[in-house]
């Protein structure tokens, strides 16, 4: 990682970085990349993947149908309906 790389990344990302910020950004990115390298060096072959760090289980509700089709009730007060469908303006030719 060098200053030219920082400038190229900021240009590609359309981020305006001032010249006096480049050194600080370079230092921060190097620290991040070093941390990633350190994490990649850890052997995780015998570690079971987790979906959540606290190993929580999501409690799901029972799948019970609770509401019926109330389309006619909802469309009763709308004049822009036809045969159960809502009539909307055409937007694509």
PDB file of N, CA and C in Angstrom:
ATOM      1  N   UNK A   1       0.860  -1.168   0.000  1.00  0.00           N
ATOM      2  CA  UNK A   1       0.000   0.000   0.000  1.00  0.00           C
ATOM      3  C   UNK A   1       0.902   1.225   0.000  1.00  0.00           C
ATOM      4  N   UNK A   2       0.607   2.141  -0.921  1.00  0.00           N
ATOM      5  CA  UNK A   2       1.376   3.375  -0.984  1.00  0.00           C
ATOM      6  C   UNK A   2       0.452   4.543  -1.316  1.00  0.00           C
ATOM      7  N   UNK A   3       1.018   5.744  -1.387  1.00  0.00           N
ATOM      8  CA  UNK A   3       0.202   6.941  -1.628  1.00  0.00           C
ATOM      9  C   UNK A   3      -0.489   6.891  -2.981  1.00  0.00           C
ATOM     10  N   UNK A   4       0.189   6.347  -3.987  1.00  0.00           N
ATOM     11  CA  UNK A   4      -0.415   6.266  -5.321  1.00  0.00           C
ATOM     12  C   UNK A   4      -1.654   5.375  -5.307  1.00  0.00           C
ATOM     13  N   UNK A   5      -1.586   4.292  -4.527  1.00  0.00           N
ATOM     14  CA  UNK A   5      -2.732   3.384  -4.418  1.00  0.00           C
ATOM     15  C   UNK A   5      -3.902   4.092  -3.739  1.00  0.00           C
ATOM     16  N   UNK A   6      -3.622   4.849  -2.702  1.00  0.00           N
ATOM     17  CA  UNK A   6      -4.667   5.608  -2.004  1.00  0.00           C
ATOM     18  C   UNK A   6      -5.317   6.593  -2.965  1.00  0.00           C
ATOM     19  N   UNK A   7      -4.529   7.291  -3.746  1.00  0.00           N
ATOM     20  CA  UNK A   7      -5.054   8.268  -4.698  1.00  0.00           C
ATOM     21  C   UNK A   7      -5.899   7.562  -5.758  1.00  0.00           C
ATOM     22  N   UNK A   8      -5.435   6.413  -6.241  1.00  0.00           N
ATOM     23  CA  UNK A   8      -6.180   5.668  -7.257  1.00  0.00           C
ATOM     24  C   UNK A   8      -7.514   5.164  -6.703  1.00  0.00           C
ATOM     25  N   UNK A   9      -7.494   4.624  -5.480  1.00  0.00           N
ATOM     26  CA  UNK A   9      -8.729   4.140  -4.858  1.00  0.00           C
ATOM     27  C   UNK A   9      -9.711   5.288  -4.646  1.00  0.00           C
ATOM     28  N   UNK A  10      -9.219   6.421  -4.168  1.00  0.00           N
ATOM     29  CA  UNK A  10     -10.106   7.560  -3.936  1.00  0.00           C
ATOM     30  C   UNK A  10     -10.685   8.076  -5.243  1.00  0.00           C
ATOM     31  N   UNK A  11      -9.914   8.006  -6.314  1.00  0.00           N
ATOM     32  CA  UNK A  11     -10.412   8.427  -7.626  1.00  0.00           C
ATOM     33  C   UNK A  11     -11.487   7.468  -8.122  1.00  0.00           C
ATOM     34  N   UNK A  12     -11.248   6.169  -7.989  1.00  0.00           N
ATOM     35  CA  UNK A  12     -12.232   5.176  -8.428  1.00  0.00           C
ATOM     36  C   UNK A  12     -13.526   5.259  -7.623  1.00  0.00           C
ATOM     37  N   UNK A  13     -13.389   5.547  -6.333  1.00  0.00           N
ATOM     38  CA  UNK A  13     -14.554   5.637  -5.447  1.00  0.00           C
ATOM     39  C   UNK A  13     -15.186   7.026  -5.470  1.00  0.00           C
ATOM     40  N   UNK A  14     -14.601   7.934  -6.222  1.00  0.00           N
ATOM     41  CA  UNK A  14     -15.084   9.321  -6.314  1.00  0.00           C
ATOM     42  C   UNK A  14     -15.141   9.979  -4.940  1.00  0.00           C
ATOM     43  N   UNK A  15     -14.069   9.748  -4.159  1.00  0.00           N
ATOM     44  CA  UNK A  15     -13.950  10.338  -2.831  1.00  0.00           C
ATOM     45  C   UNK A  15     -12.863  11.402  -2.886  1.00  0.00           C
ATOM     46  N   UNK A  16     -13.203  12.578  -2.439  1.00  0.00           N
ATOM     47  CA  UNK A  16     -12.246  13.683  -2.440  1.00  0.00           C
ATOM     48  C   UNK A  16     -11.382  13.594  -1.179  1.00  0.00           C
ATOM     49  N   UNK A  17     -10.109  13.298  -1.374  1.00  0.00           N
ATOM     50  CA  UNK A  17      -9.168  13.219  -0.248  1.00  0.00           C
ATOM     51  C   UNK A  17      -8.126  14.315  -0.426  1.00  0.00           C
ATOM     52  N   UNK A  18      -7.950  15.086   0.624  1.00  0.00           N
ATOM     53  CA  UNK A  18      -6.953  16.162   0.579  1.00  0.00           C
ATOM     54  C   UNK A  18      -5.558  15.563   0.774  1.00  0.00           C
ATOM     55  N   UNK A  19      -4.561  16.247   0.258  1.00  0.00           N
ATOM     56  CA  UNK A  19      -3.186  15.761   0.329  1.00  0.00           C
ATOM     57  C   UNK A  19      -2.712  15.531   1.764  1.00  0.00           C
ATOM     58  N   UNK A  20      -3.187  16.371   2.691  1.00  0.00           N
ATOM     59  CA  UNK A  20      -2.739  16.215   4.080  1.00  0.00           C
ATOM     60  C   UNK A  20      -3.422  15.039   4.788  1.00  0.00           C
ATOM     61  N   UNK A  21      -4.433  14.425   4.170  1.00  0.00           N
ATOM     62  CA  UNK A  21      -5.121  13.277   4.755  1.00  0.00           C
ATOM     63  C   UNK A  21      -4.536  11.939   4.295  1.00  0.00           C
ATOM     64  N   UNK A  22      -3.769  11.950   3.225  1.00  0.00           N
ATOM     65  CA  UNK A  22      -3.290  10.711   2.612  1.00  0.00           C
ATOM     66  C   UNK A  22      -2.444   9.885   3.578  1.00  0.00           C
ATOM     67  N   UNK A  23      -1.540  10.517   4.300  1.00  0.00           N
ATOM     68  CA  UNK A  23      -0.674   9.777   5.226  1.00  0.00           C
ATOM     69  C   UNK A  23      -1.477   9.091   6.334  1.00  0.00           C
ATOM     70  N   UNK A  24      -2.475   9.805   6.878  1.00  0.00           N
ATOM     71  CA  UNK A  24      -3.313   9.209   7.926  1.00  0.00           C
ATOM     72  C   UNK A  24      -4.126   8.039   7.384  1.00  0.00           C
ATOM     73  N   UNK A  25      -4.660   8.203   6.191  1.00  0.00           N
ATOM     74  CA  UNK A  25      -5.447   7.130   5.572  1.00  0.00           C
ATOM     75  C   UNK A  25      -4.560   5.936   5.269  1.00  0.00           C
ATOM     76  N   UNK A  26      -3.374   6.192   4.776  1.00  0.00           N
ATOM     77  CA  UNK A  26      -2.426   5.121   4.480  1.00  0.00           C
ATOM     78  C   UNK A  26      -2.097   4.323   5.744  1.00  0.00           C
ATOM     79  N   UNK A  27      -1.847   5.025   6.846  1.00  0.00           N
ATOM     80  CA  UNK A  27      -1.552   4.355   8.115  1.00  0.00           C
ATOM     81  C   UNK A  27      -2.736   3.517   8.586  1.00  0.00           C
ATOM     82  N   UNK A  28      -3.942   4.073   8.488  1.00  0.00           N
ATOM     83  CA  UNK A  28      -5.143   3.350   8.917  1.00  0.00           C
ATOM     84  C   UNK A  28      -5.378   2.112   8.071  1.00  0.00           C
ATOM     85  N   UNK A  29      -5.244   2.238   6.765  1.00  0.00           N
ATOM     86  CA  UNK A  29      -5.447   1.082   5.883  1.00  0.00           C
ATOM     87  C   UNK A  29      -4.396   0.003   6.113  1.00  0.00           C
ATOM     88  N   UNK A  30      -3.168   0.397   6.371  1.00  0.00           N
ATOM     89  CA  UNK A  30      -2.120  -0.588   6.663  1.00  0.00           C
ATOM     90  C   UNK A  30      -2.443  -1.348   7.941  1.00  0.00           C
ATOM     91  N   UNK A  31      -2.953  -0.646   8.958  1.00  0.00           N
ATOM     92  CA  UNK A  31      -3.343  -1.313  10.202  1.00  0.00           C
ATOM     93  C   UNK A  31      -4.475  -2.309   9.951  1.00  0.00           C
ATOM     94  N   UNK A  32      -5.441  -1.909   9.144  1.00  0.00           N
ATOM     95  CA  UNK A  32      -6.565  -2.795   8.832  1.00  0.00           C
ATOM     96  C   UNK A  32      -6.076  -4.024   8.077  1.00  0.00           C
ATOM     97  N   UNK A  33      -5.244  -3.826   7.078  1.00  0.00           N
ATOM     98  CA  UNK A  33      -4.736  -4.954   6.294  1.00  0.00           C
ATOM     99  C   UNK A  33      -3.860  -5.874   7.138  1.00  0.00           C
ATOM    100  N   UNK A  34      -3.086  -5.319   8.056  1.00  0.00           N
ATOM    101  CA  UNK A  34      -2.287  -6.144   8.965  1.00  0.00           C
ATOM    102  C   UNK A  34      -3.179  -6.979   9.883  1.00  0.00           C
ATOM    103  N   UNK A  35      -4.279  -6.393  10.350  1.00  0.00           N
ATOM    104  CA  UNK A  35      -5.214  -7.130  11.186  1.00  0.00           C
ATOM    105  C   UNK A  35      -5.861  -8.271  10.393  1.00  0.00           C
ATOM    106  N   UNK A  36      -6.216  -8.010   9.141  1.00  0.00           N
ATOM    107  CA  UNK A  36      -6.801  -9.050   8.292  1.00  0.00           C
ATOM    108  C   UNK A  36      -5.793 -10.173   8.071  1.00  0.00           C
ATOM    109  N   UNK A  37      -4.547  -9.825   7.817  1.00  0.00           N
ATOM    110  CA  UNK A  37      -3.507 -10.845   7.665  1.00  0.00           C
ATOM    111  C   UNK A  37      -3.360 -11.682   8.926  1.00  0.00           C
ATOM    112  N   UNK A  38      -3.403 -11.020  10.079  1.00  0.00           N
ATOM    113  CA  UNK A  38      -3.287 -11.732  11.345  1.00  0.00           C
ATOM    114  C   UNK A  38      -4.466 -12.682  11.542  1.00  0.00           C
ATOM    115  N   UNK A  39      -5.679 -12.245  11.204  1.00  0.00           N
ATOM    116  CA  UNK A  39      -6.855 -13.101  11.343  1.00  0.00           C
ATOM    117  C   UNK A  39      -6.802 -14.265  10.357  1.00  0.00           C
ATOM    118  N   UNK A  40      -6.273 -14.033   9.171  1.00  0.00           N
ATOM    119  CA  UNK A  40      -6.148 -15.110   8.181  1.00  0.00           C
ATOM    120  C   UNK A  40      -5.118 -16.157   8.589  1.00  0.00           C
ATOM    121  N   UNK A  41      -4.187 -15.780   9.439  1.00  0.00           N
ATOM    122  CA  UNK A  41      -3.156 -16.731   9.843  1.00  0.00           C
ATOM    123  C   UNK A  41      -3.639 -17.711  10.918  1.00  0.00           C
ATOM    124  N   UNK A  42      -4.792 -17.445  11.518  1.00  0.00           N
ATOM    125  CA  UNK A  42      -5.325 -18.317  12.561  1.00  0.00           C
ATOM    126  C   UNK A  42      -5.899 -19.574  11.920  1.00  0.00           C
ATOM    127  N   UNK A  43      -5.568 -20.729  12.486  1.00  0.00           N
ATOM    128  CA  UNK A  43      -6.061 -22.002  11.984  1.00  0.00           C
ATOM    129  C   UNK A  43      -7.505 -22.200  12.452  1.00  0.00           C
ATOM    130  N   UNK A  44      -8.420 -22.271  11.507  1.00  0.00           N
ATOM    131  CA  UNK A  44      -9.841 -22.443  11.836  1.00  0.00           C
ATOM    132  C   UNK A  44     -10.400 -23.745  11.259  1.00  0.00           C
ATOM    133  N   UNK A  45      -9.527 -24.709  10.997  1.00  0.00           N
ATOM    134  CA  UNK A  45      -9.972 -25.961  10.372  1.00  0.00           C
ATOM    135  C   UNK A  45     -10.989 -26.716  11.227  1.00  0.00           C
ATOM    136  N   UNK A  46     -10.840 -26.729  12.525  1.00  0.00           N
ATOM    137  CA  UNK A  46     -11.728 -27.493  13.394  1.00  0.00           C
ATOM    138  C   UNK A  46     -12.779 -26.629  14.084  1.00  0.00           C
ATOM    139  N   UNK A  47     -13.006 -25.449  13.541  1.00  0.00           N
ATOM    140  CA  UNK A  47     -13.985 -24.539  14.134  1.00  0.00           C
ATOM    141  C   UNK A  47     -15.280 -24.625  13.324  1.00  0.00           C
ATOM    142  N   UNK A  48     -16.377 -24.894  14.006  1.00  0.00           N
ATOM    143  CA  UNK A  48     -17.679 -24.978  13.348  1.00  0.00           C
ATOM    144  C   UNK A  48     -18.186 -23.569  13.064  1.00  0.00           C
ATOM    145  N   UNK A  49     -18.609 -23.308  11.827  1.00  0.00           N
ATOM    146  CA  UNK A  49     -19.136 -21.973  11.503  1.00  0.00           C
ATOM    147  C   UNK A  49     -20.392 -21.670  12.309  1.00  0.00           C
ATOM    148  N   UNK A  50     -20.533 -20.412  12.677  1.00  0.00           N
ATOM    149  CA  UNK A  50     -21.690 -19.984  13.443  1.00  0.00           C
ATOM    150  C   UNK A  50     -22.499 -18.986  12.640  1.00  0.00           C
ATOM    151  N   UNK A  51     -23.803 -18.971  12.851  1.00  0.00           N
ATOM    152  CA  UNK A  51     -24.633 -17.973  12.183  1.00  0.00           C
ATOM    153  C   UNK A  51     -24.756 -16.704  13.010  1.00  0.00           C
ATOM    154  N   UNK A  52     -24.396 -16.799  14.286  1.00  0.00           N
ATOM    155  CA  UNK A  52     -24.475 -15.649  15.183  1.00  0.00           C
ATOM    156  C   UNK A  52     -23.413 -15.812  16.269  1.00  0.00           C
ATOM    157  N   UNK A  53     -22.726 -14.743  16.648  1.00  0.00           N
ATOM    158  CA  UNK A  53     -21.653 -14.881  17.635  1.00  0.00           C
ATOM    159  C   UNK A  53     -22.131 -15.326  19.015  1.00  0.00           C
ATOM    160  N   UNK A  54     -23.397 -15.126  19.323  1.00  0.00           N
ATOM    161  CA  UNK A  54     -23.906 -15.522  20.636  1.00  0.00           C
ATOM    162  C   UNK A  54     -24.617 -16.868  20.590  1.00  0.00           C
ATOM    163  N   UNK A  55     -24.610 -17.527  19.446  1.00  0.00           N
ATOM    164  CA  UNK A  55     -25.209 -18.840  19.264  1.00  0.00           C
ATOM    165  C   UNK A  55     -26.672 -18.856  19.709  1.00  0.00           C
ATOM    166  N   UNK A  56     -27.396 -17.823  19.293  1.00  0.00           N
ATOM    167  CA  UNK A  56     -28.811 -17.704  19.631  1.00  0.00           C
ATOM    168  C   UNK A  56     -29.664 -18.461  18.626  1.00  0.00           C
ATOM    169  N   UNK A  57     -30.856 -18.836  19.048  1.00  0.00           N
ATOM    170  CA  UNK A  57     -31.802 -19.502  18.163  1.00  0.00           C
ATOM    171  C   UNK A  57     -32.986 -18.578  17.967  1.00  0.00           C
ATOM    172  N   UNK A  58     -33.414 -18.411  16.731  1.00  0.00           N
ATOM    173  CA  UNK A  58     -34.534 -17.535  16.452  1.00  0.00           C
ATOM    174  C   UNK A  58     -35.840 -18.276  16.735  1.00  0.00           C
ATOM    175  N   UNK A  59     -36.629 -17.686  17.606  1.00  0.00           N
ATOM    176  CA  UNK A  59     -37.921 -18.275  17.934  1.00  0.00           C
ATOM    177  C   UNK A  59     -38.917 -17.845  16.863  1.00  0.00           C
ATOM    178  N   UNK A  60     -39.475 -18.808  16.157  1.00  0.00           N
ATOM    179  CA  UNK A  60     -40.416 -18.511  15.093  1.00  0.00           C
ATOM    180  C   UNK A  60     -41.841 -18.724  15.570  1.00  0.00           C
ATOM    181  N   UNK A  61     -42.740 -17.924  15.049  1.00  0.00           N
ATOM    182  CA  UNK A  61     -44.146 -18.103  15.392  1.00  0.00           C
ATOM    183  C   UNK A  61     -44.725 -19.236  14.556  1.00  0.00           C
ATOM    184  N   UNK A  62     -45.852 -19.762  14.990  1.00  0.00           N
ATOM    185  CA  UNK A  62     -46.521 -20.803  14.228  1.00  0.00           C
ATOM    186  C   UNK A  62     -47.088 -20.189  12.959  1.00  0.00           C
ATOM    187  N   UNK A  63     -47.025 -20.916  11.881  1.00  0.00           N
ATOM    188  CA  UNK A  63     -47.497 -20.437  10.584  1.00  0.00           C
ATOM    189  C   UNK A  63     -48.989 -20.708  10.457  1.00  0.00           C
ATOM    190  N   UNK A  64     -49.778 -19.787  11.002  1.00  0.00           N
ATOM    191  CA  UNK A  64     -51.226 -19.929  11.004  1.00  0.00           C
ATOM    192  C   UNK A  64     -51.821 -18.785  10.191  1.00  0.00           C
ATOM    193  N   UNK A  65     -52.708 -19.130   9.270  1.00  0.00           N
ATOM    194  CA  UNK A  65     -53.378 -18.109   8.464  1.00  0.00           C
ATOM    195  C   UNK A  65     -54.328 -17.361   9.376  1.00  0.00           C
ATOM    196  N   UNK A  66     -54.178 -16.038   9.422  1.00  0.00           N
ATOM    197  CA  UNK A  66     -54.987 -15.250  10.331  1.00  0.00           C
ATOM    198  C   UNK A  66     -55.935 -14.295   9.640  1.00  0.00           C
ATOM    199  N   UNK A  67     -55.640 -13.897   8.431  1.00  0.00           N
ATOM    200  CA  UNK A  67     -56.482 -12.925   7.746  1.00  0.00           C
ATOM    201  C   UNK A  67     -57.015 -13.549   6.464  1.00  0.00           C
ATOM    202  N   UNK A  68     -58.217 -13.150   6.121  1.00  0.00           N
ATOM    203  CA  UNK A  68     -58.795 -13.642   4.870  1.00  0.00           C
ATOM    204  C   UNK A  68     -58.605 -12.591   3.783  1.00  0.00           C
ATOM    205  N   UNK A  69     -59.008 -12.942   2.576  1.00  0.00           N
ATOM    206  CA  UNK A  69     -58.888 -12.018   1.453  1.00  0.00           C
ATOM    207  C   UNK A  69     -59.923 -10.912   1.616  1.00  0.00           C
ATOM    208  N   UNK A  70     -59.460  -9.709   1.808  1.00  0.00           N
ATOM    209  CA  UNK A  70     -60.349  -8.566   1.998  1.00  0.00           C
ATOM    210  C   UNK A  70     -60.210  -7.562   0.865  1.00  0.00           C
ATOM    211  N   UNK A  71     -59.912  -8.069  -0.330  1.00  0.00           N
ATOM    212  CA  UNK A  71     -59.698  -7.188  -1.473  1.00  0.00           C
ATOM    213  C   UNK A  71     -60.923  -6.318  -1.754  1.00  0.00           C
ATOM    214  N   UNK A  72     -62.106  -6.918  -1.728  1.00  0.00           N
ATOM    215  CA  UNK A  72     -63.320  -6.147  -2.024  1.00  0.00           C
ATOM    216  C   UNK A  72     -63.514  -5.022  -1.015  1.00  0.00           C
ATOM    217  N   UNK A  73     -63.220  -5.277   0.246  1.00  0.00           N
ATOM    218  CA  UNK A  73     -63.338  -4.245   1.282  1.00  0.00           C
ATOM    219  C   UNK A  73     -62.371  -3.105   1.010  1.00  0.00           C
ATOM    220  N   UNK A  74     -61.137  -3.438   0.641  1.00  0.00           N
ATOM    221  CA  UNK A  74     -60.129  -2.401   0.391  1.00  0.00           C
ATOM    222  C   UNK A  74     -60.430  -1.618  -0.885  1.00  0.00           C
ATOM    223  N   UNK A  75     -60.991  -2.291  -1.879  1.00  0.00           N
ATOM    224  CA  UNK A  75     -61.249  -1.631  -3.157  1.00  0.00           C
ATOM    225  C   UNK A  75     -62.611  -0.942  -3.210  1.00  0.00           C
ATOM    226  N   UNK A  76     -63.425  -1.135  -2.201  1.00  0.00           N
ATOM    227  CA  UNK A  76     -64.774  -0.579  -2.183  1.00  0.00           C
ATOM    228  C   UNK A  76     -64.758   0.947  -2.320  1.00  0.00           C
ATOM    229  N   UNK A  77     -63.807   1.611  -1.696  1.00  0.00           N
ATOM    230  CA  UNK A  77     -63.767   3.073  -1.700  1.00  0.00           C
ATOM    231  C   UNK A  77     -62.822   3.632  -2.760  1.00  0.00           C
ATOM    232  N   UNK A  78     -62.379   2.807  -3.680  1.00  0.00           N
ATOM    233  CA  UNK A  78     -61.454   3.253  -4.723  1.00  0.00           C
ATOM    234  C   UNK A  78     -62.127   3.092  -6.082  1.00  0.00           C
ATOM    235  N   UNK A  79     -62.245   4.195  -6.802  1.00  0.00           N
ATOM    236  CA  UNK A  79     -62.919   4.129  -8.112  1.00  0.00           C
ATOM    237  C   UNK A  79     -61.981   3.633  -9.205  1.00  0.00           C
ATOM    238  N   UNK A  80     -60.685   3.535  -8.914  1.00  0.00           N
ATOM    239  CA  UNK A  80     -59.700   3.114  -9.915  1.00  0.00           C
ATOM    240  C   UNK A  80     -59.425   1.621  -9.814  1.00  0.00           C
ATOM    241  N   UNK A  81     -60.474   0.810  -9.903  1.00  0.00           N
ATOM    242  CA  UNK A  81     -60.316  -0.643  -9.889  1.00  0.00           C
ATOM    243  C   UNK A  81     -61.104  -1.246 -11.031  1.00  0.00           C
ATOM    244  N   UNK A  82     -60.687  -2.415 -11.452  1.00  0.00           N
ATOM    245  CA  UNK A  82     -61.394  -3.134 -12.507  1.00  0.00           C
ATOM    246  C   UNK A  82     -61.184  -4.629 -12.308  1.00  0.00           C
ATOM    247  N   UNK A  83     -62.257  -5.343 -12.047  1.00  0.00           N
ATOM    248  CA  UNK A  83     -62.222  -6.789 -11.922  1.00  0.00           C
ATOM    249  C   UNK A  83     -61.198  -7.255 -10.874  1.00  0.00           C
ATOM    250  N   UNK A  84     -61.111  -6.536  -9.746  1.00  0.00           N
ATOM    251  CA  UNK A  84     -60.215  -6.932  -8.670  1.00  0.00           C
ATOM    252  C   UNK A  84     -58.806  -6.366  -8.765  1.00  0.00           C
ATOM    253  N   UNK A  85     -58.517  -5.607  -9.818  1.00  0.00           N
ATOM    254  CA  UNK A  85     -57.182  -5.025 -10.003  1.00  0.00           C
ATOM    255  C   UNK A  85     -57.254  -3.512  -9.833  1.00  0.00           C
ATOM    256  N   UNK A  86     -56.148  -2.922  -9.399  1.00  0.00           N
ATOM    257  CA  UNK A  86     -56.052  -1.476  -9.320  1.00  0.00           C
ATOM    258  C   UNK A  86     -55.622  -0.935 -10.677  1.00  0.00           C
ATOM    259  N   UNK A  87     -56.252   0.137 -11.116  1.00  0.00           N
ATOM    260  CA  UNK A  87     -55.918   0.779 -12.383  1.00  0.00           C
ATOM    261  C   UNK A  87     -54.925   1.900 -12.077  1.00  0.00           C
ATOM    262  N   UNK A  88     -53.756   1.832 -12.738  1.00  0.00           N
ATOM    263  CA  UNK A  88     -52.709   2.840 -12.539  1.00  0.00           C
ATOM    264  C   UNK A  88     -52.331   3.436 -13.892  1.00  0.00           C
ATOM    265  N   UNK A  89     -51.756   4.636 -13.890  1.00  0.00           N
ATOM    266  CA  UNK A  89     -51.356   5.244 -15.160  1.00  0.00           C
ATOM    267  C   UNK A  89     -50.247   4.434 -15.833  1.00  0.00           C
ATOM    268  N   UNK A  90     -50.285   4.394 -17.160  1.00  0.00           N
ATOM    269  CA  UNK A  90     -49.253   3.715 -17.923  1.00  0.00           C
ATOM    270  C   UNK A  90     -47.967   4.529 -17.850  1.00  0.00           C
ATOM    271  N   UNK A  91     -46.851   3.876 -17.517  1.00  0.00           N
ATOM    272  CA  UNK A  91     -45.593   4.610 -17.417  1.00  0.00           C
ATOM    273  C   UNK A  91     -44.538   4.095 -18.398  1.00  0.00           C
ATOM    274  N   UNK A  92     -44.766   2.947 -19.003  1.00  0.00           N
ATOM    275  CA  UNK A  92     -43.837   2.415 -19.989  1.00  0.00           C
ATOM    276  C   UNK A  92     -44.602   2.199 -21.291  1.00  0.00           C
ATOM    277  N   UNK A  93     -44.072   2.749 -22.371  1.00  0.00           N
ATOM    278  CA  UNK A  93     -44.728   2.570 -23.679  1.00  0.00           C
ATOM    279  C   UNK A  93     -44.422   1.229 -24.274  1.00  0.00           C
TER     280      UNK A  93
END
